[in-house]
Amino acid sequence: MRKQILVAAMSAVIVAGSVFIPGAASPFSTAKTVMAAEKNHAPFDQKIVKRFNADNAYDHIYHLSETIGPRVAGSQEEKEGAAYLQAEFSQLGYDVDVQTFSIPDRLFGSLTVNGEDIPIRPSTGSSPTPEGGLTAPLYDAGLGYPEDFTEEAEGKVALISRGGFTFAEKAQNAVDAGAVAVIIYNNVESLVPLTPSLGGSTISVPVVGTSKESGAYLLEQEEVTLELQALTNQTSQNVIAVRKPHKKIKNPEIVYVTAHYDSVPLAPGANDNASGTGVMLELARVLKSYPLDKELRFIGFGAEEIGLVGARYYVAQLSSDEIERSVANFNMDMVGTSWEPASKLFVNVTDGSPNIVWQISSKVAERLGHEPLLLNQGGSSDHVAFHEVGIESANFIRREPGTGALEPWYHTPFDTVENISVERLQEAGEIVGASVYELVRKETNRKNKQNKAQSIQPTDIYSSLQ
């Protein structure tokens, strides 16, 4: 049986943090949290708090998002990001390995009007454009019903509004009318371009989505240039930095600190996710020399944005012995936004249960006098891959309490360093760093085999707060 860590009675867990209940106010006050921190402060926390410097994390964010820019999976920029991580880890003295893997074929391209780029998202099932792209007049096809097309649509790019019926039917109606490409624009406001799902269908012409605002702009234009390339046989990479405990410790337990460093097209990815990567790199600096009784692995994952590809590849390569020895995964994704409503640091657990990552981090947040963390059932990041093989894991992410909303510039060109909070980077670094150190520090002698943390269902905690 894989070793676990006894951290606290669950009554202490409920005091230490809170559970995400949409629309509910936190039952804890800042004053009480600060008083608890003063009373229960652990001396070893200061080994992290005094050394963690959010300005260093910010510098990493700046390099990844501004110097390199968007780091799309499989791109040269993503490889530059990986090389940066490799150099930083190596300089800190870690054993570093770059793990290369194949990624799925997909489409990537651009839409321009009078030399101006219009943000788009290709549909899965779309066809690429001819080499070099295509330039054609626009045709306003309304909602894309058959009666919305006339013979004038032939040879043109059909511009269709979302709504009424499926994207696949709209696109096929355009093809039947002789359109050479399809642009479907959103009918609700969003900074992020629409990604039209074709429901498994394959369409014989290029199909892309864009925002409502861009659709309104295109309705006033006469001609567009669209280029969609089929990206095939591409690779991405994970960057793995390892620090082992003293050689006398045989078959040590393993703790993982992870973050993805790729981004979506056109987005510099300052918060998503240079912020998590920057905090991870700074924690690697802080923890590079303290005595450990466990193996510590820092991993920068590639290709997260196209389906957690890097994390799932990494976990698939772990031996059964490594999985057995794995204690916890602390994953950070979007921890630095300055968006005011994102006032809480969520701890997303795939099945919503208060696992070891939640138990320790919620206690640490209380000890350090930070706002209580919010336990939330959630996936959509690399911690899911660890959960799938039975390794306790959680994702740290900033959201708006009550709604769970992300920042408005999520996955847009506005995800830049101007929207990063150094103070929130510091908070994330202190909480995650002190939590990880509590697990790996040599001074702690835990009898894991005899003291396995008891499992509590999420409903038990929810009912205690109702």
Protein backbone atom coordinates (compact mmCIF):
# COMPACT_ATOMS: atom_id res chain seq x y z
CA MET A 1 0.00 0.00 0.00
CA ARG A 2 1.31 3.43 -0.95
CA LYS A 3 2.53 5.40 2.02
CA GLN A 4 0.45 8.30 3.27
CA ILE A 5 1.11 11.14 5.67
CA LEU A 6 -0.87 11.77 8.82
CA VAL A 7 -1.50 15.50 8.95
CA ALA A 8 -4.30 16.33 11.36
CA ALA A 9 -7.68 15.34 12.70
CA MET A 10 -10.37 16.44 10.27
CA SER A 11 -11.87 18.81 12.80
CA ALA A 12 -8.71 20.82 12.45
CA VAL A 13 -9.10 20.70 8.67
CA ILE A 14 -12.52 22.28 8.85
CA VAL A 15 -11.16 25.08 11.03
CA ALA A 16 -8.17 25.58 8.78
CA GLY A 17 -9.99 26.25 5.54
CA SER A 18 -13.38 26.38 3.91
CA VAL A 19 -15.25 24.53 1.22
CA PHE A 20 -16.43 26.19 -1.98
CA ILE A 21 -20.21 26.56 -1.82
CA PRO A 22 -21.52 28.83 -4.63
CA GLY A 23 -23.04 31.97 -3.18
CA ALA A 24 -22.05 31.22 0.41
CA ALA A 25 -19.98 33.61 2.50
CA SER A 26 -16.87 32.37 4.26
CA PRO A 27 -17.50 31.50 7.92
CA PHE A 28 -14.07 32.77 8.87
CA SER A 29 -12.87 36.29 9.48
CA THR A 30 -9.45 37.64 8.64
CA ALA A 31 -8.91 38.61 12.26
CA LYS A 32 -9.53 35.09 13.48
CA THR A 33 -7.20 33.71 10.82
CA VAL A 34 -4.40 36.06 11.84
CA MET A 35 -4.87 35.20 15.54
CA ALA A 36 -4.72 31.50 14.72
CA ALA A 37 -1.56 32.07 12.72
CA GLU A 38 0.13 33.81 15.63
CA LYS A 39 -0.89 31.04 18.00
CA ASN A 40 -0.15 28.02 15.78
CA HIS A 41 2.81 29.31 13.83
CA ALA A 42 5.29 26.57 12.89
CA PRO A 43 8.95 27.67 12.99
CA PHE A 44 9.87 25.70 9.87
CA ASP A 45 7.37 27.75 7.80
CA GLN A 46 9.77 30.67 8.00
CA LYS A 47 12.36 28.73 6.03
CA ILE A 48 10.01 29.23 3.08
CA VAL A 49 8.37 32.56 3.90
CA LYS A 50 11.63 34.43 4.53
CA ARG A 51 13.29 33.12 1.37
CA PHE A 52 10.49 33.09 -1.19
CA ASN A 53 10.73 36.23 -3.32
CA ALA A 54 7.77 36.95 -5.60
CA ASP A 55 9.89 39.39 -7.60
CA ASN A 56 11.94 36.43 -8.82
CA ALA A 57 8.75 34.63 -9.84
CA TYR A 58 7.64 37.79 -11.65
CA ASP A 59 10.92 37.89 -13.57
CA HIS A 60 10.30 34.33 -14.79
CA ILE A 61 6.78 35.33 -15.83
CA TYR A 62 8.12 38.31 -17.73
CA HIS A 63 10.63 36.20 -19.62
CA LEU A 64 8.12 33.52 -20.57
CA SER A 65 5.25 35.83 -21.54
CA GLU A 66 7.02 38.92 -22.87
CA THR A 67 10.47 37.82 -24.08
CA ILE A 68 9.22 34.53 -25.56
CA GLY A 69 5.49 35.26 -25.89
CA PRO A 70 2.73 32.78 -26.77
CA ARG A 71 4.00 29.21 -26.27
CA VAL A 72 1.64 27.04 -28.29
CA ALA A 73 2.13 23.29 -27.94
CA GLY A 74 4.61 22.02 -30.50
CA SER A 75 5.81 25.49 -31.49
CA GLN A 76 9.35 26.84 -31.44
CA GLU A 77 8.29 29.23 -28.68
CA GLU A 78 7.17 26.34 -26.50
CA LYS A 79 10.57 24.73 -27.03
CA GLU A 80 12.22 28.01 -26.02
CA GLY A 81 10.15 27.94 -22.83
CA ALA A 82 11.32 24.39 -22.13
CA ALA A 83 14.94 25.39 -22.71
CA TYR A 84 14.52 28.26 -20.25
CA LEU A 85 13.18 25.92 -17.57
CA GLN A 86 15.96 23.45 -18.21
CA ALA A 87 18.62 26.15 -17.83
CA GLU A 88 17.08 27.53 -14.63
CA PHE A 89 16.77 24.11 -12.98
CA SER A 90 20.29 23.15 -14.02
CA GLN A 91 21.73 26.37 -12.62
CA LEU A 92 20.11 25.53 -9.28
CA GLY A 93 21.88 22.17 -9.20
CA TYR A 94 18.98 19.82 -9.92
CA ASP A 95 19.23 16.65 -11.98
CA VAL A 96 17.31 17.71 -15.08
CA ASP A 97 15.74 15.61 -17.81
CA VAL A 98 13.78 16.72 -20.87
CA GLN A 99 11.08 14.22 -21.80
CA THR A 100 9.92 14.49 -25.43
CA PHE A 101 6.57 13.13 -26.62
CA SER A 102 4.31 13.27 -29.67
CA ILE A 103 1.20 15.45 -29.70
CA PRO A 104 -2.02 15.05 -31.71
CA ASP A 105 -2.28 16.53 -35.18
CA ARG A 106 -4.35 19.72 -35.30
CA LEU A 107 -5.03 22.92 -37.22
CA PHE A 108 -3.41 26.27 -36.65
CA GLY A 109 -3.76 29.47 -38.59
CA SER A 110 -4.82 33.07 -38.97
CA LEU A 111 -7.57 35.31 -40.30
CA THR A 112 -6.69 38.77 -41.59
CA VAL A 113 -8.67 41.73 -42.89
CA ASN A 114 -6.79 44.63 -44.46
CA GLY A 115 -3.63 43.37 -42.74
CA GLU A 116 -5.30 43.17 -39.30
CA ASP A 117 -5.31 39.87 -37.40
CA ILE A 118 -8.70 38.65 -36.21
CA PRO A 119 -8.56 36.10 -33.34
CA ILE A 120 -10.01 32.73 -34.38
CA ARG A 121 -10.28 29.13 -33.20
CA PRO A 122 -10.32 26.30 -35.78
CA SER A 123 -12.99 23.63 -35.42
CA THR A 124 -11.95 20.04 -34.89
CA GLY A 125 -13.12 18.32 -38.08
CA SER A 126 -12.38 21.36 -40.24
CA SER A 127 -10.30 21.04 -43.39
CA PRO A 128 -7.13 23.10 -43.89
CA THR A 129 -6.89 25.83 -46.50
CA PRO A 130 -4.85 25.35 -49.66
CA GLU A 131 -1.14 26.02 -49.12
CA GLY A 132 -0.65 29.75 -48.75
CA GLY A 133 -4.23 30.29 -47.61
CA LEU A 134 -7.24 31.64 -49.45
CA THR A 135 -8.56 35.15 -50.06
CA ALA A 136 -12.24 35.54 -50.88
CA PRO A 137 -15.22 37.87 -50.46
CA LEU A 138 -17.43 37.56 -47.39
CA TYR A 139 -21.05 36.44 -47.57
CA ASP A 140 -23.50 37.28 -44.77
CA ALA A 141 -25.41 34.03 -44.23
CA GLY A 142 -27.34 35.10 -41.13
CA LEU A 143 -27.96 32.03 -38.94
CA GLY A 144 -26.92 29.68 -41.72
CA TYR A 145 -30.28 28.10 -42.58
CA PRO A 146 -30.54 26.76 -46.15
CA GLU A 147 -32.80 29.66 -47.10
CA ASP A 148 -30.09 32.11 -45.91
CA PHE A 149 -27.94 31.14 -48.89
CA THR A 150 -28.34 32.28 -52.50
CA GLU A 151 -26.28 31.55 -55.57
CA GLU A 152 -24.12 34.52 -54.60
CA ALA A 153 -22.60 32.45 -51.76
CA GLU A 154 -20.62 30.33 -54.21
CA GLY A 155 -16.88 30.94 -53.98
CA LYS A 156 -17.22 33.15 -50.91
CA VAL A 157 -16.50 32.84 -47.19
CA ALA A 158 -19.77 32.31 -45.34
CA LEU A 159 -20.13 34.46 -42.22
CA ILE A 160 -22.67 32.81 -39.90
CA SER A 161 -24.04 33.71 -36.46
CA ARG A 162 -24.19 31.19 -33.64
CA GLY A 163 -27.68 30.11 -32.59
CA GLY A 164 -30.72 28.14 -33.72
CA PHE A 165 -29.12 24.80 -34.60
CA THR A 166 -25.79 22.96 -34.64
CA PHE A 167 -22.49 24.29 -35.94
CA ALA A 168 -22.06 21.20 -38.13
CA GLU A 169 -25.40 21.81 -39.86
CA LYS A 170 -24.55 25.46 -40.43
CA ALA A 171 -21.19 24.55 -41.95
CA GLN A 172 -22.68 21.84 -44.18
CA ASN A 173 -25.35 24.24 -45.45
CA ALA A 174 -22.55 26.62 -46.43
CA VAL A 175 -20.68 23.84 -48.23
CA ASP A 176 -23.86 22.84 -50.09
CA ALA A 177 -24.21 26.47 -51.23
CA GLY A 178 -20.68 26.48 -52.64
CA ALA A 179 -18.90 28.49 -49.91
CA VAL A 180 -15.11 28.01 -49.78
CA ALA A 181 -14.83 28.56 -46.01
CA VAL A 182 -16.98 29.21 -42.95
CA ILE A 183 -16.60 31.71 -40.11
CA ILE A 184 -19.05 31.28 -37.22
CA TYR A 185 -19.22 34.19 -34.78
CA ASN A 186 -20.53 34.14 -31.23
CA ASN A 187 -23.90 35.60 -30.22
CA VAL A 188 -22.78 36.47 -26.67
CA GLU A 189 -20.01 38.78 -25.49
CA SER A 190 -16.64 37.13 -24.85
CA LEU A 191 -12.99 38.08 -25.13
CA VAL A 192 -12.23 34.52 -26.23
CA PRO A 193 -13.01 33.42 -29.80
CA LEU A 194 -15.76 30.85 -30.22
CA THR A 195 -14.60 27.27 -30.86
CA PRO A 196 -17.39 25.71 -32.93
CA SER A 197 -17.77 22.00 -32.18
CA LEU A 198 -18.68 19.96 -35.24
CA GLY A 199 -19.79 17.02 -33.11
CA GLY A 200 -17.44 14.53 -34.71
CA SER A 201 -18.36 15.54 -38.27
CA THR A 202 -15.75 16.33 -40.92
CA ILE A 203 -16.39 19.35 -43.13
CA SER A 204 -14.73 19.65 -46.54
CA VAL A 205 -13.90 23.38 -46.18
CA PRO A 206 -12.10 25.36 -43.45
CA VAL A 207 -14.33 26.17 -40.44
CA VAL A 208 -13.29 28.64 -37.73
CA GLY A 209 -14.94 30.53 -34.91
CA THR A 210 -14.55 34.09 -33.66
CA SER A 211 -16.08 36.44 -31.10
CA LYS A 212 -19.30 38.43 -31.34
CA GLU A 213 -17.32 41.66 -31.58
CA SER A 214 -15.15 40.32 -34.39
CA GLY A 215 -18.26 39.04 -36.18
CA ALA A 216 -19.82 42.49 -36.11
CA TYR A 217 -16.60 43.92 -37.51
CA LEU A 218 -16.44 41.32 -40.29
CA LEU A 219 -20.03 42.11 -41.34
CA GLU A 220 -18.75 45.53 -42.37
CA GLN A 221 -15.85 44.13 -44.43
CA GLU A 222 -15.74 42.88 -47.98
CA GLU A 223 -12.89 40.38 -48.13
CA VAL A 224 -10.79 38.20 -45.80
CA THR A 225 -7.67 36.07 -45.99
CA LEU A 226 -7.78 32.77 -44.12
CA GLU A 227 -4.91 30.34 -43.64
CA LEU A 228 -5.24 27.06 -41.75
CA GLN A 229 -2.31 24.67 -41.67
CA ALA A 230 -2.47 21.04 -40.66
CA LEU A 231 0.17 20.59 -37.98
CA THR A 232 1.36 16.99 -38.07
CA ASN A 233 4.12 14.92 -36.49
CA GLN A 234 4.85 17.55 -33.85
CA THR A 235 6.38 17.03 -30.44
CA SER A 236 6.28 18.76 -27.07
CA GLN A 237 8.35 18.24 -23.95
CA ASN A 238 8.24 18.01 -20.17
CA VAL A 239 11.10 19.43 -18.11
CA ILE A 240 11.78 17.35 -14.99
CA ALA A 241 14.05 18.50 -12.15
CA VAL A 242 14.79 16.01 -9.37
CA ARG A 243 16.34 16.35 -5.96
CA LYS A 244 16.85 13.13 -4.03
CA PRO A 245 17.18 12.82 -0.25
CA HIS A 246 20.29 11.53 1.50
CA LYS A 247 21.60 8.34 -0.11
CA LYS A 248 20.96 6.41 3.11
CA ILE A 249 17.20 6.73 2.49
CA LYS A 250 16.25 3.81 0.29
CA ASN A 251 13.16 3.95 -1.93
CA PRO A 252 12.10 7.42 -0.75
CA GLU A 253 8.59 8.72 -1.07
CA ILE A 254 8.04 11.26 -3.85
CA VAL A 255 6.42 14.71 -3.77
CA TYR A 256 5.69 16.58 -7.02
CA VAL A 257 5.45 20.34 -7.64
CA THR A 258 4.12 20.99 -11.14
CA ALA A 259 2.92 23.66 -13.56
CA HIS A 260 2.38 23.82 -17.32
CA TYR A 261 4.36 26.37 -19.28
CA ASP A 262 2.56 26.31 -22.65
CA SER A 263 -0.19 28.74 -23.66
CA VAL A 264 -3.02 29.01 -26.17
CA PRO A 265 -2.52 30.75 -29.55
CA LEU A 266 -2.15 34.55 -29.44
CA ALA A 267 -2.07 34.63 -25.63
CA PRO A 268 1.22 35.58 -23.95
CA GLY A 269 0.08 33.35 -21.08
CA ALA A 270 1.35 35.49 -18.20
CA ASN A 271 -1.20 34.16 -15.72
CA ASP A 272 -2.04 31.01 -17.67
CA ASN A 273 0.40 29.70 -16.89
CA ALA A 274 3.70 31.53 -16.59
CA SER A 275 2.46 32.44 -13.09
CA GLY A 276 2.38 28.84 -11.87
CA THR A 277 5.64 28.14 -13.66
CA GLY A 278 7.32 31.20 -12.16
CA VAL A 279 6.27 30.27 -8.62
CA MET A 280 7.47 26.71 -9.23
CA LEU A 281 10.91 27.92 -10.37
CA GLU A 282 11.24 30.19 -7.33
CA LEU A 283 10.26 27.33 -5.02
CA ALA A 284 12.94 25.22 -6.67
CA ARG A 285 15.45 27.90 -5.70
CA VAL A 286 14.17 28.09 -2.13
CA LEU A 287 14.16 24.32 -1.61
CA LYS A 288 17.41 23.49 -3.39
CA SER A 289 19.54 22.98 -0.27
CA TYR A 290 17.34 22.15 2.73
CA PRO A 291 17.74 18.57 4.06
CA LEU A 292 15.01 16.27 2.75
CA ASP A 293 13.75 12.86 3.70
CA LYS A 294 11.75 12.48 0.45
CA GLU A 295 12.45 12.82 -3.24
CA LEU A 296 11.30 16.16 -4.63
CA ARG A 297 10.35 16.52 -8.30
CA PHE A 298 9.61 19.81 -10.05
CA ILE A 299 7.99 19.36 -13.47
CA GLY A 300 7.13 21.88 -16.17
CA PHE A 301 4.53 20.24 -18.40
CA GLY A 302 4.14 20.94 -22.10
CA ALA A 303 0.95 20.63 -24.16
CA GLU A 304 -1.46 21.13 -21.26
CA GLU A 305 -3.70 23.42 -23.29
CA ILE A 306 -4.51 20.73 -25.87
CA GLY A 307 -5.70 18.16 -23.34
CA LEU A 308 -3.19 17.59 -20.50
CA VAL A 309 -1.03 15.70 -22.99
CA GLY A 310 2.31 16.27 -21.26
CA ALA A 311 1.11 15.36 -17.78
CA ARG A 312 -0.65 12.22 -18.94
CA TYR A 313 2.44 11.15 -20.88
CA TYR A 314 4.66 11.70 -17.84
CA VAL A 315 2.40 9.76 -15.50
CA ALA A 316 2.11 6.91 -18.02
CA GLN A 317 5.90 6.48 -17.89
CA LEU A 318 6.01 6.10 -14.09
CA SER A 319 6.75 2.62 -12.85
CA SER A 320 4.39 0.88 -10.45
CA ASP A 321 7.05 1.34 -7.79
CA GLU A 322 7.21 5.09 -8.40
CA ILE A 323 3.44 5.36 -8.21
CA GLU A 324 3.46 3.36 -4.99
CA ARG A 325 6.02 5.75 -3.49
CA SER A 326 4.23 8.92 -4.63
CA VAL A 327 2.72 10.94 -1.78
CA ALA A 328 1.27 14.09 -3.35
CA ASN A 329 1.16 16.40 -6.35
CA PHE A 330 0.93 20.18 -5.83
CA ASN A 331 -0.06 21.68 -9.18
CA MET A 332 -0.24 25.43 -9.79
CA ASP A 333 -2.22 27.00 -12.63
CA MET A 334 -3.19 30.69 -12.84
CA VAL A 335 -2.12 31.78 -9.35
CA GLY A 336 -1.09 35.37 -10.07
CA THR A 337 -4.02 37.29 -11.53
CA SER A 338 -4.60 40.84 -10.35
CA TRP A 339 -8.31 40.63 -11.21
CA GLU A 340 -9.91 41.91 -8.02
CA PRO A 341 -12.91 39.53 -7.86
CA ALA A 342 -10.57 36.49 -7.92
CA SER A 343 -9.99 36.99 -4.22
CA LYS A 344 -9.65 33.35 -3.19
CA LEU A 345 -7.11 30.66 -3.87
CA PHE A 346 -9.08 27.54 -4.79
CA VAL A 347 -7.75 24.05 -4.16
CA ASN A 348 -9.25 21.98 -6.96
CA VAL A 349 -9.40 18.26 -6.23
CA THR A 350 -10.61 16.03 -9.03
CA ASP A 351 -13.13 14.10 -6.93
CA GLY A 352 -13.73 16.90 -4.43
CA SER A 353 -12.43 14.93 -1.43
CA PRO A 354 -10.25 16.61 1.22
CA ASN A 355 -7.05 14.77 0.36
CA ILE A 356 -3.56 15.25 1.79
CA VAL A 357 -2.80 18.29 -0.41
CA TRP A 358 -5.90 20.07 0.85
CA GLN A 359 -5.36 19.02 4.44
CA ILE A 360 -1.81 20.35 4.64
CA SER A 361 -2.26 23.50 2.54
CA SER A 362 -5.41 24.62 4.36
CA LYS A 363 -3.59 24.32 7.69
CA VAL A 364 -0.58 26.18 6.34
CA ALA A 365 -2.74 29.04 5.02
CA GLU A 366 -4.22 29.43 8.49
CA ARG A 367 -0.83 29.29 10.21
CA LEU A 368 0.57 31.97 7.93
CA GLY A 369 -2.41 34.26 8.38
CA HIS A 370 -3.63 34.07 4.80
CA GLU A 371 -7.26 33.98 3.73
CA PRO A 372 -8.82 30.52 4.09
CA LEU A 373 -8.49 28.35 1.00
CA LEU A 374 -11.53 27.02 -0.85
CA LEU A 375 -11.88 23.29 -1.47
CA ASN A 376 -13.51 22.69 -4.85
CA GLN A 377 -14.25 19.68 -7.02
CA GLY A 378 -12.52 20.48 -10.28
CA GLY A 379 -10.31 19.14 -13.04
CA SER A 380 -9.08 20.84 -16.23
CA SER A 381 -5.41 20.92 -15.24
CA ASP A 382 -2.45 18.59 -14.88
CA HIS A 383 -3.34 17.35 -11.40
CA VAL A 384 -5.99 15.18 -13.07
CA ALA A 385 -3.33 12.93 -14.59
CA PHE A 386 -1.93 12.13 -11.13
CA HIS A 387 -5.38 11.49 -9.70
CA GLU A 388 -6.10 9.03 -12.51
CA VAL A 389 -3.33 6.71 -11.27
CA GLY A 390 -4.17 7.07 -7.59
CA ILE A 391 -1.70 9.80 -6.58
CA GLU A 392 -3.29 12.40 -4.31
CA SER A 393 -3.20 15.72 -6.12
CA ALA A 394 -4.71 19.19 -6.26
CA ASN A 395 -4.57 22.28 -8.40
CA PHE A 396 -4.08 25.76 -6.89
CA ILE A 397 -5.89 28.43 -8.91
CA ARG A 398 -7.37 31.89 -8.29
CA ARG A 399 -11.08 32.30 -8.96
CA GLU A 400 -13.98 34.45 -7.87
CA PRO A 401 -15.66 32.96 -4.79
CA GLY A 402 -19.35 32.21 -5.25
CA THR A 403 -19.20 32.05 -9.06
CA GLY A 404 -15.87 30.31 -9.61
CA ALA A 405 -15.23 32.75 -12.47
CA LEU A 406 -11.79 33.20 -13.99
CA GLU A 407 -10.27 36.51 -15.02
CA PRO A 408 -11.90 38.12 -18.10
CA TRP A 409 -8.66 38.05 -20.11
CA TYR A 410 -8.32 34.26 -19.74
CA HIS A 411 -7.03 32.75 -23.01
CA THR A 412 -6.81 36.14 -24.73
CA PRO A 413 -4.01 38.43 -25.96
CA PHE A 414 -4.61 40.48 -22.79
CA ASP A 415 -3.11 37.81 -20.52
CA THR A 416 0.01 39.91 -19.95
CA VAL A 417 2.32 40.84 -17.07
CA GLU A 418 0.36 44.05 -16.50
CA ASN A 419 -2.37 41.84 -15.06
CA ILE A 420 -0.13 39.98 -12.61
CA SER A 421 -0.21 40.62 -8.84
CA VAL A 422 3.14 40.24 -7.09
CA GLU A 423 1.32 40.02 -3.75
CA ARG A 424 -0.75 37.07 -4.93
CA LEU A 425 2.35 35.35 -6.29
CA GLN A 426 3.86 35.73 -2.83
CA GLU A 427 0.80 34.22 -1.18
CA ALA A 428 0.76 31.22 -3.52
CA GLY A 429 4.48 30.68 -3.07
CA GLU A 430 4.27 30.79 0.71
CA ILE A 431 1.30 28.43 0.95
CA VAL A 432 2.45 25.85 -1.58
CA GLY A 433 6.08 26.12 -0.53
CA ALA A 434 5.43 25.70 3.18
CA SER A 435 3.05 22.82 2.46
CA VAL A 436 5.59 20.99 0.32
CA TYR A 437 8.34 21.63 2.86
CA GLU A 438 6.18 20.23 5.65
CA LEU A 439 6.01 16.99 3.67
CA VAL A 440 9.61 16.67 2.55
CA ARG A 441 11.66 18.20 5.37
CA LYS A 442 14.12 15.87 7.08
CA GLU A 443 13.32 17.07 10.61
CA THR A 444 9.89 15.46 10.59
CA ASN A 445 9.66 11.80 11.54
CA ARG A 446 6.26 10.52 10.53
CA LYS A 447 5.15 6.93 10.97
CA ASN A 448 3.23 6.68 7.75
CA LYS A 449 2.36 3.01 7.77
CA GLN A 450 0.60 3.24 11.11
CA ASN A 451 -0.86 6.72 10.69
CA LYS A 452 -2.76 6.89 7.43
CA ALA A 453 -5.03 9.93 7.20
CA GLN A 454 -8.69 8.99 7.48
CA SER A 455 -10.82 9.65 4.41
CA ILE A 456 -13.79 11.99 4.75
CA GLN A 457 -16.43 12.43 2.05
CA PRO A 458 -17.05 15.96 0.78
CA THR A 459 -20.66 15.73 1.96
CA ASP A 460 -19.46 15.45 5.55
CA ILE A 461 -17.80 18.85 5.35
CA TYR A 462 -20.62 20.45 3.40
CA SER A 463 -23.14 19.32 6.03
CA SER A 464 -20.99 20.68 8.85
CA LEU A 465 -21.16 24.16 7.36
CA GLN A 466 -24.86 24.19 6.57
